[in-house]
Protein backbone atom coordinates (compact mmCIF):
# COMPACT_ATOMS: atom_id res chain seq x y z
CA UNK A 1 15.52 18.17 -23.57
CA UNK A 2 12.36 16.26 -24.37
CA UNK A 3 11.22 14.51 -21.22
CA UNK A 4 8.04 12.92 -22.58
CA UNK A 5 9.82 9.79 -23.91
CA UNK A 6 11.62 9.42 -20.57
CA UNK A 7 8.35 9.74 -18.66
CA UNK A 8 6.70 7.17 -20.92
CA UNK A 9 9.60 4.78 -20.27
CA UNK A 10 9.18 5.25 -16.53
CA UNK A 11 5.51 4.34 -16.84
CA UNK A 12 6.31 1.28 -18.98
CA UNK A 13 8.86 0.16 -16.35
CA UNK A 14 6.07 0.51 -13.77
CA UNK A 15 7.79 3.43 -12.02
CA UNK A 16 4.59 5.44 -11.82
CA UNK A 17 5.55 7.32 -8.67
CA UNK A 18 8.82 8.43 -10.19
CA UNK A 19 7.13 9.49 -13.45
CA UNK A 20 4.65 11.61 -11.52
CA UNK A 21 7.47 13.17 -9.51
CA UNK A 22 9.36 14.07 -12.70
CA UNK A 23 6.26 15.79 -14.04
CA UNK A 24 5.87 17.74 -10.79
CA UNK A 25 9.53 18.74 -10.82
CA UNK A 26 9.20 19.99 -14.39
CA UNK A 27 6.26 22.19 -13.38
CA UNK A 28 7.92 23.51 -10.22
CA UNK A 29 10.40 26.36 -10.79
CA UNK A 30 11.85 25.81 -7.31
CA UNK A 31 13.02 22.31 -8.27
CA UNK A 32 15.68 23.72 -10.59
CA UNK A 33 17.44 25.20 -7.56
CA UNK A 34 18.05 21.74 -6.11
CA UNK A 35 21.19 19.75 -6.81
CA UNK A 36 21.07 16.59 -8.90
CA UNK A 37 21.39 14.43 -5.79
CA UNK A 38 18.52 16.24 -4.06
CA UNK A 39 16.26 15.91 -7.10
CA UNK A 40 17.15 12.24 -7.49
CA UNK A 41 16.44 11.65 -3.80
CA UNK A 42 13.02 13.26 -4.21
CA UNK A 43 12.25 11.04 -7.19
CA UNK A 44 13.30 7.89 -5.37
CA UNK A 45 11.35 8.91 -2.24
CA UNK A 46 8.24 9.54 -4.33
CA UNK A 47 8.52 6.13 -5.98
CA UNK A 48 9.07 4.46 -2.61
CA UNK A 49 6.04 6.20 -1.08
CA UNK A 50 3.90 5.39 -4.11
CA UNK A 51 4.70 1.66 -3.83
CA UNK A 52 4.21 1.59 -0.07
CA UNK A 53 0.82 3.30 -0.41
CA UNK A 54 -0.22 0.93 -3.20
CA UNK A 55 0.75 -2.10 -1.09
CA UNK A 56 -1.10 -0.68 1.92
CA UNK A 57 -4.27 -0.13 -0.10
CA UNK A 58 -4.03 -3.69 -1.48
CA UNK A 59 -3.62 -5.16 2.02
CA UNK A 60 -6.46 -3.03 3.33
CA UNK A 61 -8.72 -4.16 0.49
CA UNK A 62 -7.83 -7.82 1.07
CA UNK A 63 -8.49 -7.48 4.79
CA UNK A 64 -11.83 -5.83 4.14
CA UNK A 65 -12.92 -8.58 1.72
CA UNK A 66 -12.34 -11.40 4.19
CA UNK A 67 -13.01 -9.29 7.27
CA UNK A 68 -16.70 -9.93 8.00
CA UNK A 69 -16.36 -13.72 7.68
CA UNK A 70 -13.25 -13.72 9.82
CA UNK A 71 -14.96 -11.55 12.43
CA UNK A 72 -17.95 -13.86 12.51
CA UNK A 73 -15.71 -16.88 13.02
CA UNK A 74 -13.87 -15.13 15.86
CA UNK A 75 -17.15 -14.14 17.51
CA UNK A 76 -18.43 -17.74 17.40
CA UNK A 77 -15.19 -19.00 18.94
CA UNK A 78 -15.42 -16.40 21.71
CA UNK A 79 -19.05 -17.29 22.38
CA UNK A 80 -18.17 -20.98 22.73
CA UNK A 81 -15.32 -20.11 25.05
CA UNK A 82 -17.58 -17.86 27.16
CA UNK A 83 -20.18 -20.64 27.43
CA UNK A 84 -17.47 -23.09 28.43
CA UNK A 85 -18.03 -25.47 25.52
CA UNK A 86 -15.36 -27.17 23.52
CA UNK A 87 -15.43 -25.64 20.05
CA UNK A 88 -14.62 -28.91 18.30
CA UNK A 89 -17.07 -31.27 20.01
CA UNK A 90 -19.55 -29.01 21.70
CA UNK A 91 -18.97 -30.67 25.09
CA UNK A 92 -18.50 -28.99 28.40
CA UNK A 93 -14.89 -28.75 29.48
CA UNK A 94 -14.17 -30.20 32.89
């Protein structure tokens, strides 16, 4: 059976993790020993992991981009609190 069209369809449906897992299964002679359900479970797990990793990298990148400014803001707030000044008005709290 020609799997290339199937793999291309997986990529076009944005199932990159599953497409990569199919390629790996085709190259691995041990994969043919697994039942259909086991192979399907591996494909689904690979897709799940791929999406979770992609989302994690995106969140990490977003946190890094706004991180230094956010850290600076937090540091200023802590400094005002340590000095005992009101952050909004700059007055001493009584």
